[in-house]
Amino acid sequence: MTDRININTDGMELINIQMTYGSKYCVAILNDSEDTEKDVFEIRGYSLRSFNQKWKKRIEGNYIKMKEIEQTDDG
């Protein structure tokens, strides 16, 4: 049986999602494409055990591009 994660994107476009090295969390990058005047992204962390959102960080600017998530060996 396979469990599914249902991530509420609040109408934002999902750009990238990756699991952390410990496989306890996943990190997602979302783009708020409704705001055409500036680039708006959110980075969100989700628990893979409870499937709940644990944190989010909103980033706004005039020209921002986010594509992939990298993690160092120390976390």
PDB file of N, CA and C in Angstrom:
ATOM      1  N   MET A   1       0.844  -1.179   0.000  1.00  0.00           N
ATOM      2  CA  MET A   1       0.000   0.000   0.000  1.00  0.00           C
ATOM      3  C   MET A   1       0.887   1.240   0.000  1.00  0.00           C
ATOM      4  N   THR A   2       0.522   2.239  -0.772  1.00  0.00           N
ATOM      5  CA  THR A   2       1.300   3.468  -0.881  1.00  0.00           C
ATOM      6  C   THR A   2       0.524   4.616  -0.277  1.00  0.00           C
ATOM      7  N   ASP A   3       1.168   5.354   0.631  1.00  0.00           N
ATOM      8  CA  ASP A   3       0.553   6.549   1.203  1.00  0.00           C
ATOM      9  C   ASP A   3       0.780   7.725   0.266  1.00  0.00           C
ATOM     10  N   ARG A   4      -0.144   8.648   0.277  1.00  0.00           N
ATOM     11  CA  ARG A   4      -0.018   9.852  -0.535  1.00  0.00           C
ATOM     12  C   ARG A   4       0.051  11.062   0.366  1.00  0.00           C
ATOM     13  N   ILE A   5       0.830  12.036  -0.060  1.00  0.00           N
ATOM     14  CA  ILE A   5       0.897  13.305   0.643  1.00  0.00           C
ATOM     15  C   ILE A   5       0.035  14.292  -0.129  1.00  0.00           C
ATOM     16  N   ASN A   6      -0.928  14.891   0.539  1.00  0.00           N
ATOM     17  CA  ASN A   6      -1.777  15.893  -0.084  1.00  0.00           C
ATOM     18  C   ASN A   6      -1.316  17.261   0.398  1.00  0.00           C
ATOM     19  N   ILE A   7      -0.613  17.990  -0.457  1.00  0.00           N
ATOM     20  CA  ILE A   7      -0.081  19.296  -0.096  1.00  0.00           C
ATOM     21  C   ILE A   7      -1.025  20.371  -0.616  1.00  0.00           C
ATOM     22  N   ASN A   8      -1.524  21.193   0.304  1.00  0.00           N
ATOM     23  CA  ASN A   8      -2.364  22.316  -0.079  1.00  0.00           C
ATOM     24  C   ASN A   8      -1.453  23.429  -0.589  1.00  0.00           C
ATOM     25  N   THR A   9      -1.533  23.729  -1.870  1.00  0.00           N
ATOM     26  CA  THR A   9      -0.661  24.744  -2.463  1.00  0.00           C
ATOM     27  C   THR A   9      -1.279  26.137  -2.418  1.00  0.00           C
ATOM     28  N   ASP A  10      -2.475  26.278  -1.888  1.00  0.00           N
ATOM     29  CA  ASP A  10      -3.160  27.579  -1.798  1.00  0.00           C
ATOM     30  C   ASP A  10      -3.192  28.305  -3.137  1.00  0.00           C
ATOM     31  N   GLY A  11      -3.333  27.547  -4.221  1.00  0.00           N
ATOM     32  CA  GLY A  11      -3.402  28.143  -5.552  1.00  0.00           C
ATOM     33  C   GLY A  11      -2.050  28.503  -6.152  1.00  0.00           C
ATOM     34  N   MET A  12      -0.970  28.191  -5.448  1.00  0.00           N
ATOM     35  CA  MET A  12       0.371  28.488  -5.951  1.00  0.00           C
ATOM     36  C   MET A  12       0.866  27.323  -6.809  1.00  0.00           C
ATOM     37  N   GLU A  13       1.783  27.634  -7.723  1.00  0.00           N
ATOM     38  CA  GLU A  13       2.359  26.619  -8.595  1.00  0.00           C
ATOM     39  C   GLU A  13       3.497  25.899  -7.876  1.00  0.00           C
ATOM     40  N   LEU A  14       3.450  24.568  -7.825  1.00  0.00           N
ATOM     41  CA  LEU A  14       4.501  23.775  -7.212  1.00  0.00           C
ATOM     42  C   LEU A  14       5.670  23.672  -8.185  1.00  0.00           C
ATOM     43  N   ILE A  15       6.840  24.193  -7.791  1.00  0.00           N
ATOM     44  CA  ILE A  15       8.020  24.205  -8.647  1.00  0.00           C
ATOM     45  C   ILE A  15       8.881  22.967  -8.410  1.00  0.00           C
ATOM     46  N   ASN A  16       9.136  22.637  -7.151  1.00  0.00           N
ATOM     47  CA  ASN A  16      10.042  21.544  -6.824  1.00  0.00           C
ATOM     48  C   ASN A  16       9.704  21.021  -5.436  1.00  0.00           C
ATOM     49  N   ILE A  17       9.888  19.730  -5.231  1.00  0.00           N
ATOM     50  CA  ILE A  17       9.719  19.142  -3.908  1.00  0.00           C
ATOM     51  C   ILE A  17      10.745  18.030  -3.752  1.00  0.00           C
ATOM     52  N   GLN A  18      11.416  17.997  -2.588  1.00  0.00           N
ATOM     53  CA  GLN A  18      12.432  16.986  -2.343  1.00  0.00           C
ATOM     54  C   GLN A  18      12.382  16.536  -0.896  1.00  0.00           C
ATOM     55  N   MET A  19      12.765  15.280  -0.674  1.00  0.00           N
ATOM     56  CA  MET A  19      12.879  14.766   0.690  1.00  0.00           C
ATOM     57  C   MET A  19      14.257  15.122   1.234  1.00  0.00           C
ATOM     58  N   THR A  20      14.323  15.357   2.546  1.00  0.00           N
ATOM     59  CA  THR A  20      15.612  15.597   3.184  1.00  0.00           C
ATOM     60  C   THR A  20      16.365  14.268   3.294  1.00  0.00           C
ATOM     61  N   TYR A  21      17.656  14.340   3.568  1.00  0.00           N
ATOM     62  CA  TYR A  21      18.480  13.130   3.624  1.00  0.00           C
ATOM     63  C   TYR A  21      17.980  12.141   4.674  1.00  0.00           C
ATOM     64  N   GLY A  22      17.459  12.630   5.786  1.00  0.00           N
ATOM     65  CA  GLY A  22      16.953  11.743   6.832  1.00  0.00           C
ATOM     66  C   GLY A  22      15.594  11.157   6.533  1.00  0.00           C
ATOM     67  N   SER A  23      14.973  11.564   5.449  1.00  0.00           N
ATOM     68  CA  SER A  23      13.647  11.092   5.016  1.00  0.00           C
ATOM     69  C   SER A  23      12.553  11.345   6.039  1.00  0.00           C
ATOM     70  N   LYS A  24      12.727  12.365   6.885  1.00  0.00           N
ATOM     71  CA  LYS A  24      11.697  12.721   7.852  1.00  0.00           C
ATOM     72  C   LYS A  24      10.852  13.895   7.376  1.00  0.00           C
ATOM     73  N   TYR A  25      11.398  14.695   6.477  1.00  0.00           N
ATOM     74  CA  TYR A  25      10.732  15.904   6.008  1.00  0.00           C
ATOM     75  C   TYR A  25      10.880  16.016   4.495  1.00  0.00           C
ATOM     76  N   CYS A  26       9.999  16.817   3.917  1.00  0.00           N
ATOM     77  CA  CYS A  26      10.188  17.222   2.534  1.00  0.00           C
ATOM     78  C   CYS A  26      10.106  18.752   2.492  1.00  0.00           C
ATOM     79  N   VAL A  27      10.781  19.320   1.515  1.00  0.00           N
ATOM     80  CA  VAL A  27      10.835  20.767   1.346  1.00  0.00           C
ATOM     81  C   VAL A  27      10.292  21.076  -0.041  1.00  0.00           C
ATOM     82  N   ALA A  28       9.363  22.025  -0.108  1.00  0.00           N
ATOM     83  CA  ALA A  28       8.713  22.371  -1.368  1.00  0.00           C
ATOM     84  C   ALA A  28       8.945  23.839  -1.697  1.00  0.00           C
ATOM     85  N   ILE A  29       9.118  24.125  -2.991  1.00  0.00           N
ATOM     86  CA  ILE A  29       9.187  25.501  -3.487  1.00  0.00           C
ATOM     87  C   ILE A  29       7.921  25.746  -4.293  1.00  0.00           C
ATOM     88  N   LEU A  30       7.207  26.826  -3.941  1.00  0.00           N
ATOM     89  CA  LEU A  30       5.980  27.200  -4.640  1.00  0.00           C
ATOM     90  C   LEU A  30       6.112  28.622  -5.168  1.00  0.00           C
ATOM     91  N   ASN A  31       5.497  28.893  -6.321  1.00  0.00           N
ATOM     92  CA  ASN A  31       5.535  30.208  -6.949  1.00  0.00           C
ATOM     93  C   ASN A  31       4.134  30.805  -6.937  1.00  0.00           C
ATOM     94  N   ASP A  32       4.024  32.044  -6.447  1.00  0.00           N
ATOM     95  CA  ASP A  32       2.750  32.765  -6.469  1.00  0.00           C
ATOM     96  C   ASP A  32       2.683  33.527  -7.782  1.00  0.00           C
ATOM     97  N   SER A  33       2.121  32.914  -8.807  1.00  0.00           N
ATOM     98  CA  SER A  33       2.109  33.492 -10.149  1.00  0.00           C
ATOM     99  C   SER A  33       1.037  34.569 -10.326  1.00  0.00           C
ATOM    100  N   GLU A  34       0.178  34.776  -9.319  1.00  0.00           N
ATOM    101  CA  GLU A  34      -0.850  35.812  -9.438  1.00  0.00           C
ATOM    102  C   GLU A  34      -0.265  37.215  -9.342  1.00  0.00           C
ATOM    103  N   ASP A  35       0.848  37.378  -8.644  1.00  0.00           N
ATOM    104  CA  ASP A  35       1.484  38.679  -8.500  1.00  0.00           C
ATOM    105  C   ASP A  35       2.476  38.865  -9.643  1.00  0.00           C
ATOM    106  N   THR A  36       2.067  39.564 -10.701  1.00  0.00           N
ATOM    107  CA  THR A  36       2.916  39.726 -11.886  1.00  0.00           C
ATOM    108  C   THR A  36       3.907  40.877 -11.756  1.00  0.00           C
ATOM    109  N   GLU A  37       3.769  41.721 -10.745  1.00  0.00           N
ATOM    110  CA  GLU A  37       4.670  42.859 -10.563  1.00  0.00           C
ATOM    111  C   GLU A  37       6.021  42.448  -9.993  1.00  0.00           C
ATOM    112  N   LYS A  38       6.055  41.372  -9.219  1.00  0.00           N
ATOM    113  CA  LYS A  38       7.305  40.906  -8.618  1.00  0.00           C
ATOM    114  C   LYS A  38       7.269  39.393  -8.478  1.00  0.00           C
ATOM    115  N   ASP A  39       8.453  38.816  -8.307  1.00  0.00           N
ATOM    116  CA  ASP A  39       8.551  37.377  -8.108  1.00  0.00           C
ATOM    117  C   ASP A  39       8.270  37.057  -6.644  1.00  0.00           C
ATOM    118  N   VAL A  40       7.369  36.128  -6.409  1.00  0.00           N
ATOM    119  CA  VAL A  40       7.000  35.731  -5.048  1.00  0.00           C
ATOM    120  C   VAL A  40       7.058  34.214  -4.962  1.00  0.00           C
ATOM    121  N   PHE A  41       7.865  33.717  -4.018  1.00  0.00           N
ATOM    122  CA  PHE A  41       8.007  32.283  -3.791  1.00  0.00           C
ATOM    123  C   PHE A  41       7.764  31.976  -2.325  1.00  0.00           C
ATOM    124  N   GLU A  42       7.363  30.755  -2.039  1.00  0.00           N
ATOM    125  CA  GLU A  42       7.312  30.258  -0.668  1.00  0.00           C
ATOM    126  C   GLU A  42       8.087  28.953  -0.615  1.00  0.00           C
ATOM    127  N   ILE A  43       8.884  28.815   0.423  1.00  0.00           N
ATOM    128  CA  ILE A  43       9.564  27.561   0.707  1.00  0.00           C
ATOM    129  C   ILE A  43       8.863  26.978   1.925  1.00  0.00           C
ATOM    130  N   ARG A  44       8.395  25.735   1.823  1.00  0.00           N
ATOM    131  CA  ARG A  44       7.632  25.116   2.907  1.00  0.00           C
ATOM    132  C   ARG A  44       8.244  23.776   3.289  1.00  0.00           C
ATOM    133  N   GLY A  45       8.209  23.477   4.584  1.00  0.00           N
ATOM    134  CA  GLY A  45       8.675  22.193   5.086  1.00  0.00           C
ATOM    135  C   GLY A  45       7.504  21.392   5.610  1.00  0.00           C
ATOM    136  N   TYR A  46       7.462  20.107   5.261  1.00  0.00           N
ATOM    137  CA  TYR A  46       6.383  19.209   5.674  1.00  0.00           C
ATOM    138  C   TYR A  46       6.968  17.974   6.346  1.00  0.00           C
ATOM    139  N   SER A  47       6.311  17.490   7.386  1.00  0.00           N
ATOM    140  CA  SER A  47       6.689  16.242   8.039  1.00  0.00           C
ATOM    141  C   SER A  47       6.167  15.076   7.203  1.00  0.00           C
ATOM    142  N   LEU A  48       7.023  14.082   6.967  1.00  0.00           N
ATOM    143  CA  LEU A  48       6.589  12.894   6.236  1.00  0.00           C
ATOM    144  C   LEU A  48       5.941  11.865   7.154  1.00  0.00           C
ATOM    145  N   ARG A  49       5.941  12.137   8.449  1.00  0.00           N
ATOM    146  CA  ARG A  49       5.255  11.244   9.399  1.00  0.00           C
ATOM    147  C   ARG A  49       3.816  11.698   9.628  1.00  0.00           C
ATOM    148  N   SER A  50       3.646  12.986   9.897  1.00  0.00           N
ATOM    149  CA  SER A  50       2.298  13.496  10.181  1.00  0.00           C
ATOM    150  C   SER A  50       1.644  14.131   8.955  1.00  0.00           C
ATOM    151  N   PHE A  51       2.436  14.395   7.908  1.00  0.00           N
ATOM    152  CA  PHE A  51       1.980  15.054   6.680  1.00  0.00           C
ATOM    153  C   PHE A  51       1.490  16.478   6.921  1.00  0.00           C
ATOM    154  N   ASN A  52       1.899  17.081   8.031  1.00  0.00           N
ATOM    155  CA  ASN A  52       1.534  18.460   8.342  1.00  0.00           C
ATOM    156  C   ASN A  52       2.646  19.412   7.938  1.00  0.00           C
ATOM    157  N   GLN A  53       2.244  20.629   7.587  1.00  0.00           N
ATOM    158  CA  GLN A  53       3.231  21.673   7.291  1.00  0.00           C
ATOM    159  C   GLN A  53       3.883  22.110   8.595  1.00  0.00           C
ATOM    160  N   LYS A  54       5.208  22.169   8.618  1.00  0.00           N
ATOM    161  CA  LYS A  54       5.944  22.527   9.829  1.00  0.00           C
ATOM    162  C   LYS A  54       6.429  23.967   9.807  1.00  0.00           C
ATOM    163  N   TRP A  55       6.748  24.499   8.639  1.00  0.00           N
ATOM    164  CA  TRP A  55       7.231  25.874   8.542  1.00  0.00           C
ATOM    165  C   TRP A  55       7.084  26.369   7.104  1.00  0.00           C
ATOM    166  N   LYS A  56       7.155  27.690   6.943  1.00  0.00           N
ATOM    167  CA  LYS A  56       7.182  28.275   5.601  1.00  0.00           C
ATOM    168  C   LYS A  56       7.926  29.598   5.647  1.00  0.00           C
ATOM    169  N   LYS A  57       8.522  29.956   4.541  1.00  0.00           N
ATOM    170  CA  LYS A  57       9.260  31.210   4.397  1.00  0.00           C
ATOM    171  C   LYS A  57       8.866  31.822   3.067  1.00  0.00           C
ATOM    172  N   ARG A  58       8.343  33.041   3.107  1.00  0.00           N
ATOM    173  CA  ARG A  58       7.931  33.758   1.898  1.00  0.00           C
ATOM    174  C   ARG A  58       9.081  34.640   1.434  1.00  0.00           C
ATOM    175  N   ILE A  59       9.395  34.595   0.149  1.00  0.00           N
ATOM    176  CA  ILE A  59      10.491  35.375  -0.422  1.00  0.00           C
ATOM    177  C   ILE A  59       9.940  36.186  -1.584  1.00  0.00           C
ATOM    178  N   GLU A  60      10.172  37.501  -1.539  1.00  0.00           N
ATOM    179  CA  GLU A  60       9.691  38.393  -2.593  1.00  0.00           C
ATOM    180  C   GLU A  60      10.857  39.204  -3.139  1.00  0.00           C
ATOM    181  N   GLY A  61      10.783  39.548  -4.424  1.00  0.00           N
ATOM    182  CA  GLY A  61      11.825  40.369  -5.024  1.00  0.00           C
ATOM    183  C   GLY A  61      11.465  40.754  -6.442  1.00  0.00           C
ATOM    184  N   ASN A  62      12.349  41.504  -7.053  1.00  0.00           N
ATOM    185  CA  ASN A  62      12.115  41.942  -8.421  1.00  0.00           C
ATOM    186  C   ASN A  62      12.523  40.884  -9.439  1.00  0.00           C
ATOM    187  N   TYR A  63      13.529  40.090  -9.106  1.00  0.00           N
ATOM    188  CA  TYR A  63      13.936  39.018 -10.014  1.00  0.00           C
ATOM    189  C   TYR A  63      14.547  37.896  -9.196  1.00  0.00           C
ATOM    190  N   ILE A  64      13.764  36.881  -8.919  1.00  0.00           N
ATOM    191  CA  ILE A  64      14.207  35.734  -8.135  1.00  0.00           C
ATOM    192  C   ILE A  64      13.858  34.484  -8.935  1.00  0.00           C
ATOM    193  N   LYS A  65      14.783  33.544  -8.994  1.00  0.00           N
ATOM    194  CA  LYS A  65      14.506  32.251  -9.624  1.00  0.00           C
ATOM    195  C   LYS A  65      14.865  31.160  -8.636  1.00  0.00           C
ATOM    196  N   MET A  66      13.963  30.223  -8.451  1.00  0.00           N
ATOM    197  CA  MET A  66      14.205  29.074  -7.591  1.00  0.00           C
ATOM    198  C   MET A  66      13.837  27.842  -8.375  1.00  0.00           C
ATOM    199  N   LYS A  67      14.740  26.881  -8.351  1.00  0.00           N
ATOM    200  CA  LYS A  67      14.477  25.672  -9.117  1.00  0.00           C
ATOM    201  C   LYS A  67      14.702  24.423  -8.290  1.00  0.00           C
ATOM    202  N   GLU A  68      15.885  24.286  -7.705  1.00  0.00           N
ATOM    203  CA  GLU A  68      16.198  23.058  -6.999  1.00  0.00           C
ATOM    204  C   GLU A  68      16.632  23.343  -5.570  1.00  0.00           C
ATOM    205  N   ILE A  69      16.489  22.336  -4.733  1.00  0.00           N
ATOM    206  CA  ILE A  69      16.861  22.436  -3.338  1.00  0.00           C
ATOM    207  C   ILE A  69      18.118  21.598  -3.127  1.00  0.00           C
ATOM    208  N   GLU A  70      19.092  22.162  -2.454  1.00  0.00           N
ATOM    209  CA  GLU A  70      20.321  21.434  -2.137  1.00  0.00           C
ATOM    210  C   GLU A  70      20.454  21.355  -0.628  1.00  0.00           C
ATOM    211  N   GLN A  71      20.985  20.242  -0.145  1.00  0.00           N
ATOM    212  CA  GLN A  71      21.210  20.060   1.283  1.00  0.00           C
ATOM    213  C   GLN A  71      22.659  19.662   1.491  1.00  0.00           C
ATOM    214  N   THR A  72      23.311  20.282   2.474  1.00  0.00           N
ATOM    215  CA  THR A  72      24.675  19.902   2.788  1.00  0.00           C
ATOM    216  C   THR A  72      24.693  18.598   3.579  1.00  0.00           C
ATOM    217  N   ASP A  73      25.851  17.983   3.689  1.00  0.00           N
ATOM    218  CA  ASP A  73      25.953  16.713   4.410  1.00  0.00           C
ATOM    219  C   ASP A  73      25.602  16.839   5.887  1.00  0.00           C
ATOM    220  N   ASP A  74      25.809  18.043   6.469  1.00  0.00           N
ATOM    221  CA  ASP A  74      25.500  18.222   7.896  1.00  0.00           C
ATOM    222  C   ASP A  74      24.070  18.685   8.130  1.00  0.00           C
ATOM    223  N   GLY A  75      23.244  18.705   7.107  1.00  0.00           N
ATOM    224  CA  GLY A  75      21.836  18.997   7.276  1.00  0.00           C
ATOM    225  C   GLY A  75      21.462  20.384   6.911  1.00  0.00           C
TER     226      GLY A  75
END
